[in-house]
Amino acid sequence: MEIMSLAIAVFAVIIGLVIGYVSISAKMKSSQEAAELMLLNAEQEATNLRGQAEREADLLVNEAKRESSLLEALLEAKEEARKYREEVTLNKSERQELKQIESRF
């Protein structure tokens, strides 16, 4: 009877170890799959964020180019206006000189 009890106890321990091993293996596999899924999701999100950042960067570059062109055109217009003012001032000075000469005669 003692041997039978001992055999049952050993059998119960072995069954417990097998059940424990299977449970731990299943839990580890489940955890590994969850980690792999999280990694895939993180990689996909990183790819999406990179694509979005590249699109936004392209938009910013295009906007900067457009603003640069506008500023260049504004600078050219201001330069033309300055030249025009100088011409007008020069013409006024010439007219005043002509009036002075005419008034002398």
N, C-alpha and C. Protein backbone atom coordinates (compact mmCIF):
# COMPACT_ATOMS: atom_id res chain seq x y z
N MET A 1 0.81 -1.19 0.00
CA MET A 1 0.00 0.00 0.00
C MET A 1 0.86 1.27 0.00
N GLU A 2 1.96 1.19 0.70
CA GLU A 2 2.85 2.35 0.71
C GLU A 2 3.45 2.60 -0.66
N ILE A 3 3.78 1.55 -1.36
CA ILE A 3 4.34 1.71 -2.69
C ILE A 3 3.29 2.30 -3.61
N MET A 4 2.07 1.85 -3.45
CA MET A 4 0.98 2.37 -4.28
C MET A 4 0.79 3.87 -3.99
N SER A 5 0.80 4.24 -2.74
CA SER A 5 0.66 5.65 -2.39
C SER A 5 1.82 6.46 -2.92
N LEU A 6 3.00 5.90 -2.81
CA LEU A 6 4.20 6.57 -3.32
C LEU A 6 4.12 6.69 -4.84
N ALA A 7 3.66 5.68 -5.53
CA ALA A 7 3.52 5.70 -6.99
C ALA A 7 2.48 6.73 -7.40
N ILE A 8 1.39 6.79 -6.67
CA ILE A 8 0.35 7.77 -6.98
C ILE A 8 0.89 9.18 -6.76
N ALA A 9 1.63 9.37 -5.67
CA ALA A 9 2.21 10.67 -5.38
C ALA A 9 3.19 11.08 -6.47
N VAL A 10 4.06 10.15 -6.89
CA VAL A 10 5.03 10.42 -7.96
C VAL A 10 4.27 10.71 -9.25
N PHE A 11 3.26 9.93 -9.56
CA PHE A 11 2.45 10.13 -10.76
C PHE A 11 1.78 11.50 -10.72
N ALA A 12 1.25 11.88 -9.54
CA ALA A 12 0.60 13.19 -9.38
C ALA A 12 1.60 14.32 -9.58
N VAL A 13 2.81 14.15 -9.04
CA VAL A 13 3.85 15.17 -9.20
C VAL A 13 4.22 15.29 -10.68
N ILE A 14 4.39 14.17 -11.35
CA ILE A 14 4.75 14.20 -12.78
C ILE A 14 3.64 14.86 -13.58
N ILE A 15 2.38 14.51 -13.29
CA ILE A 15 1.25 15.14 -14.00
C ILE A 15 1.23 16.64 -13.70
N GLY A 16 1.49 17.02 -12.46
CA GLY A 16 1.53 18.43 -12.10
C GLY A 16 2.63 19.17 -12.84
N LEU A 17 3.82 18.53 -12.92
CA LEU A 17 4.92 19.14 -13.67
C LEU A 17 4.60 19.29 -15.15
N VAL A 18 3.96 18.26 -15.72
CA VAL A 18 3.58 18.32 -17.14
C VAL A 18 2.56 19.43 -17.36
N ILE A 19 1.56 19.48 -16.50
CA ILE A 19 0.53 20.53 -16.62
C ILE A 19 1.17 21.91 -16.45
N GLY A 20 2.05 22.04 -15.47
CA GLY A 20 2.76 23.31 -15.26
C GLY A 20 3.59 23.70 -16.46
N TYR A 21 4.33 22.74 -17.03
CA TYR A 21 5.15 23.00 -18.20
C TYR A 21 4.30 23.44 -19.38
N VAL A 22 3.21 22.73 -19.62
CA VAL A 22 2.31 23.07 -20.72
C VAL A 22 1.72 24.46 -20.51
N SER A 23 1.31 24.75 -19.28
CA SER A 23 0.72 26.06 -18.98
C SER A 23 1.73 27.17 -19.19
N ILE A 24 2.95 26.97 -18.67
CA ILE A 24 3.99 27.99 -18.82
C ILE A 24 4.37 28.16 -20.30
N SER A 25 4.47 27.05 -21.01
CA SER A 25 4.79 27.12 -22.45
C SER A 25 3.72 27.89 -23.21
N ALA A 26 2.46 27.59 -22.91
CA ALA A 26 1.36 28.28 -23.58
C ALA A 26 1.38 29.77 -23.25
N LYS A 27 1.64 30.09 -22.00
CA LYS A 27 1.69 31.50 -21.57
C LYS A 27 2.86 32.21 -22.26
N MET A 28 4.01 31.57 -22.32
CA MET A 28 5.17 32.16 -22.99
C MET A 28 4.91 32.37 -24.47
N LYS A 29 4.28 31.39 -25.10
CA LYS A 29 3.97 31.52 -26.53
C LYS A 29 2.99 32.66 -26.75
N SER A 30 2.00 32.74 -25.88
CA SER A 30 1.03 33.82 -25.98
C SER A 30 1.71 35.18 -25.78
N SER A 31 2.59 35.25 -24.80
CA SER A 31 3.31 36.50 -24.55
C SER A 31 4.22 36.85 -25.72
N GLN A 32 4.87 35.86 -26.31
CA GLN A 32 5.73 36.09 -27.45
C GLN A 32 4.92 36.60 -28.63
N GLU A 33 3.77 36.00 -28.89
CA GLU A 33 2.91 36.45 -29.99
C GLU A 33 2.42 37.87 -29.75
N ALA A 34 2.06 38.17 -28.50
CA ALA A 34 1.62 39.53 -28.18
C ALA A 34 2.75 40.53 -28.38
N ALA A 35 3.97 40.16 -27.99
CA ALA A 35 5.13 41.04 -28.17
C ALA A 35 5.42 41.25 -29.65
N GLU A 36 5.33 40.18 -30.44
CA GLU A 36 5.56 40.30 -31.88
C GLU A 36 4.51 41.18 -32.53
N LEU A 37 3.27 41.05 -32.09
CA LEU A 37 2.19 41.89 -32.61
C LEU A 37 2.43 43.35 -32.24
N MET A 38 2.84 43.58 -31.01
CA MET A 38 3.14 44.96 -30.59
C MET A 38 4.28 45.54 -31.41
N LEU A 39 5.29 44.72 -31.68
CA LEU A 39 6.43 45.16 -32.49
C LEU A 39 5.99 45.49 -33.91
N LEU A 40 5.16 44.64 -34.49
CA LEU A 40 4.66 44.92 -35.84
C LEU A 40 3.83 46.19 -35.87
N ASN A 41 2.98 46.38 -34.86
CA ASN A 41 2.18 47.60 -34.78
C ASN A 41 3.07 48.83 -34.63
N ALA A 42 4.10 48.70 -33.79
CA ALA A 42 5.01 49.82 -33.59
C ALA A 42 5.76 50.16 -34.87
N GLU A 43 6.20 49.13 -35.60
CA GLU A 43 6.88 49.35 -36.86
C GLU A 43 5.95 50.02 -37.88
N GLN A 44 4.71 49.57 -37.93
CA GLN A 44 3.74 50.16 -38.86
C GLN A 44 3.48 51.62 -38.49
N GLU A 45 3.32 51.87 -37.22
CA GLU A 45 3.08 53.25 -36.77
C GLU A 45 4.29 54.13 -37.08
N ALA A 46 5.49 53.58 -36.87
CA ALA A 46 6.70 54.34 -37.19
C ALA A 46 6.78 54.65 -38.68
N THR A 47 6.41 53.67 -39.50
CA THR A 47 6.39 53.88 -40.95
C THR A 47 5.37 54.95 -41.33
N ASN A 48 4.20 54.89 -40.72
CA ASN A 48 3.16 55.89 -40.99
C ASN A 48 3.63 57.28 -40.56
N LEU A 49 4.23 57.35 -39.38
CA LEU A 49 4.70 58.65 -38.88
C LEU A 49 5.81 59.20 -39.78
N ARG A 50 6.69 58.32 -40.24
CA ARG A 50 7.76 58.77 -41.12
C ARG A 50 7.18 59.32 -42.42
N GLY A 51 6.21 58.58 -42.98
CA GLY A 51 5.58 59.05 -44.22
C GLY A 51 4.90 60.39 -44.02
N GLN A 52 4.20 60.53 -42.90
CA GLN A 52 3.53 61.79 -42.60
C GLN A 52 4.56 62.91 -42.42
N ALA A 53 5.65 62.62 -41.72
CA ALA A 53 6.69 63.63 -41.52
C ALA A 53 7.31 64.04 -42.85
N GLU A 54 7.53 63.08 -43.74
CA GLU A 54 8.09 63.40 -45.06
C GLU A 54 7.13 64.26 -45.87
N ARG A 55 5.83 63.94 -45.80
CA ARG A 55 4.84 64.76 -46.53
C ARG A 55 4.81 66.18 -45.97
N GLU A 56 4.82 66.30 -44.64
CA GLU A 56 4.81 67.62 -44.03
C GLU A 56 6.09 68.39 -44.36
N ALA A 57 7.22 67.68 -44.39
CA ALA A 57 8.48 68.33 -44.74
C ALA A 57 8.42 68.84 -46.19
N ASP A 58 7.87 68.02 -47.09
CA ASP A 58 7.72 68.45 -48.48
C ASP A 58 6.84 69.69 -48.58
N LEU A 59 5.74 69.68 -47.82
CA LEU A 59 4.86 70.85 -47.83
C LEU A 59 5.59 72.09 -47.32
N LEU A 60 6.36 71.93 -46.25
CA LEU A 60 7.10 73.06 -45.70
C LEU A 60 8.14 73.57 -46.70
N VAL A 61 8.83 72.65 -47.37
CA VAL A 61 9.83 73.05 -48.36
C VAL A 61 9.15 73.81 -49.50
N ASN A 62 8.03 73.28 -49.97
CA ASN A 62 7.31 73.96 -51.07
C ASN A 62 6.81 75.33 -50.63
N GLU A 63 6.30 75.41 -49.41
CA GLU A 63 5.83 76.70 -48.89
C GLU A 63 7.00 77.67 -48.77
N ALA A 64 8.13 77.18 -48.30
CA ALA A 64 9.31 78.05 -48.18
C ALA A 64 9.77 78.54 -49.54
N LYS A 65 9.74 77.65 -50.55
CA LYS A 65 10.12 78.06 -51.90
C LYS A 65 9.15 79.12 -52.44
N ARG A 66 7.87 78.91 -52.17
CA ARG A 66 6.87 79.88 -52.65
C ARG A 66 7.08 81.23 -51.97
N GLU A 67 7.29 81.19 -50.66
CA GLU A 67 7.52 82.44 -49.93
C GLU A 67 8.80 83.11 -50.39
N SER A 68 9.82 82.31 -50.67
CA SER A 68 11.08 82.86 -51.17
C SER A 68 10.86 83.57 -52.50
N SER A 69 10.08 82.95 -53.37
CA SER A 69 9.79 83.58 -54.66
C SER A 69 9.01 84.88 -54.47
N LEU A 70 8.05 84.84 -53.55
CA LEU A 70 7.28 86.06 -53.29
C LEU A 70 8.15 87.16 -52.71
N LEU A 71 9.03 86.79 -51.79
CA LEU A 71 9.92 87.79 -51.20
C LEU A 71 10.89 88.35 -52.23
N GLU A 72 11.35 87.48 -53.13
CA GLU A 72 12.23 87.94 -54.20
C GLU A 72 11.50 88.92 -55.11
N ALA A 73 10.25 88.61 -55.45
CA ALA A 73 9.45 89.50 -56.29
C ALA A 73 9.20 90.82 -55.56
N LEU A 74 8.93 90.75 -54.26
CA LEU A 74 8.71 91.97 -53.48
C LEU A 74 9.97 92.81 -53.45
N LEU A 75 11.12 92.18 -53.28
CA LEU A 75 12.38 92.90 -53.26
C LEU A 75 12.63 93.57 -54.60
N GLU A 76 12.35 92.86 -55.69
CA GLU A 76 12.51 93.45 -57.02
C GLU A 76 11.57 94.64 -57.21
N ALA A 77 10.34 94.49 -56.73
CA ALA A 77 9.37 95.58 -56.85
C ALA A 77 9.83 96.79 -56.04
N LYS A 78 10.35 96.56 -54.86
CA LYS A 78 10.84 97.68 -54.04
C LYS A 78 12.03 98.35 -54.71
N GLU A 79 12.90 97.57 -55.33
CA GLU A 79 14.05 98.13 -56.04
C GLU A 79 13.58 98.98 -57.22
N GLU A 80 12.59 98.48 -57.96
CA GLU A 80 12.03 99.25 -59.07
C GLU A 80 11.39 100.54 -58.56
N ALA A 81 10.68 100.45 -57.45
CA ALA A 81 10.05 101.66 -56.88
C ALA A 81 11.10 102.67 -56.45
N ARG A 82 12.21 102.19 -55.86
CA ARG A 82 13.30 103.09 -55.46
C ARG A 82 13.90 103.78 -56.68
N LYS A 83 14.12 103.01 -57.75
CA LYS A 83 14.68 103.59 -58.98
C LYS A 83 13.72 104.64 -59.55
N TYR A 84 12.42 104.30 -59.51
CA TYR A 84 11.43 105.25 -60.03
C TYR A 84 11.44 106.53 -59.21
N ARG A 85 11.49 106.39 -57.87
CA ARG A 85 11.55 107.59 -57.01
C ARG A 85 12.79 108.42 -57.31
N GLU A 86 13.91 107.77 -57.54
CA GLU A 86 15.13 108.51 -57.87
C GLU A 86 14.96 109.26 -59.19
N GLU A 87 14.35 108.61 -60.17
CA GLU A 87 14.11 109.27 -61.45
C GLU A 87 13.17 110.47 -61.28
N VAL A 88 12.13 110.28 -60.49
CA VAL A 88 11.18 111.37 -60.26
C VAL A 88 11.88 112.52 -59.55
N THR A 89 12.67 112.21 -58.56
CA THR A 89 13.41 113.24 -57.83
C THR A 89 14.38 113.95 -58.76
N LEU A 90 15.07 113.20 -59.61
CA LEU A 90 15.99 113.79 -60.58
C LEU A 90 15.24 114.68 -61.56
N ASN A 91 14.08 114.23 -62.04
CA ASN A 91 13.28 115.04 -62.97
C ASN A 91 12.79 116.31 -62.29
N LYS A 92 12.41 116.23 -61.02
CA LYS A 92 11.98 117.42 -60.30
C LYS A 92 13.13 118.40 -60.18
N SER A 93 14.31 117.89 -59.88
CA SER A 93 15.50 118.75 -59.76
C SER A 93 15.81 119.40 -61.09
N GLU A 94 15.73 118.66 -62.17
CA GLU A 94 16.00 119.20 -63.50
C GLU A 94 14.98 120.27 -63.87
N ARG A 95 13.70 120.02 -63.53
CA ARG A 95 12.66 121.02 -63.81
C ARG A 95 12.90 122.30 -63.02
N GLN A 96 13.29 122.15 -61.77
CA GLN A 96 13.56 123.33 -60.96
C GLN A 96 14.75 124.11 -61.53
N GLU A 97 15.76 123.41 -62.00
CA GLU A 97 16.90 124.10 -62.60
C GLU A 97 16.47 124.83 -63.87
N LEU A 98 15.63 124.17 -64.67
CA LEU A 98 15.14 124.81 -65.89
C LEU A 98 14.31 126.05 -65.56
N LYS A 99 13.49 125.98 -64.53
CA LYS A 99 12.68 127.13 -64.13
C LYS A 99 13.57 128.26 -63.65
N GLN A 100 14.62 127.92 -62.94
CA GLN A 100 15.56 128.95 -62.48
C GLN A 100 16.25 129.62 -63.65
N ILE A 101 16.64 128.80 -64.62
CA ILE A 101 17.30 129.37 -65.81
C ILE A 101 16.32 130.23 -66.58
N GLU A 102 15.08 129.77 -66.72
CA GLU A 102 14.08 130.55 -67.45
C GLU A 102 13.78 131.86 -66.72
N SER A 103 13.75 131.81 -65.40
CA SER A 103 13.42 133.02 -64.65
C SER A 103 14.55 134.04 -64.74
N ARG A 104 15.76 133.64 -65.02
CA ARG A 104 16.88 134.56 -65.16
C ARG A 104 16.78 135.35 -66.47
N PHE A 105 16.16 134.81 -67.44
CA PHE A 105 16.07 135.46 -68.73
C PHE A 105 14.84 136.23 -68.85
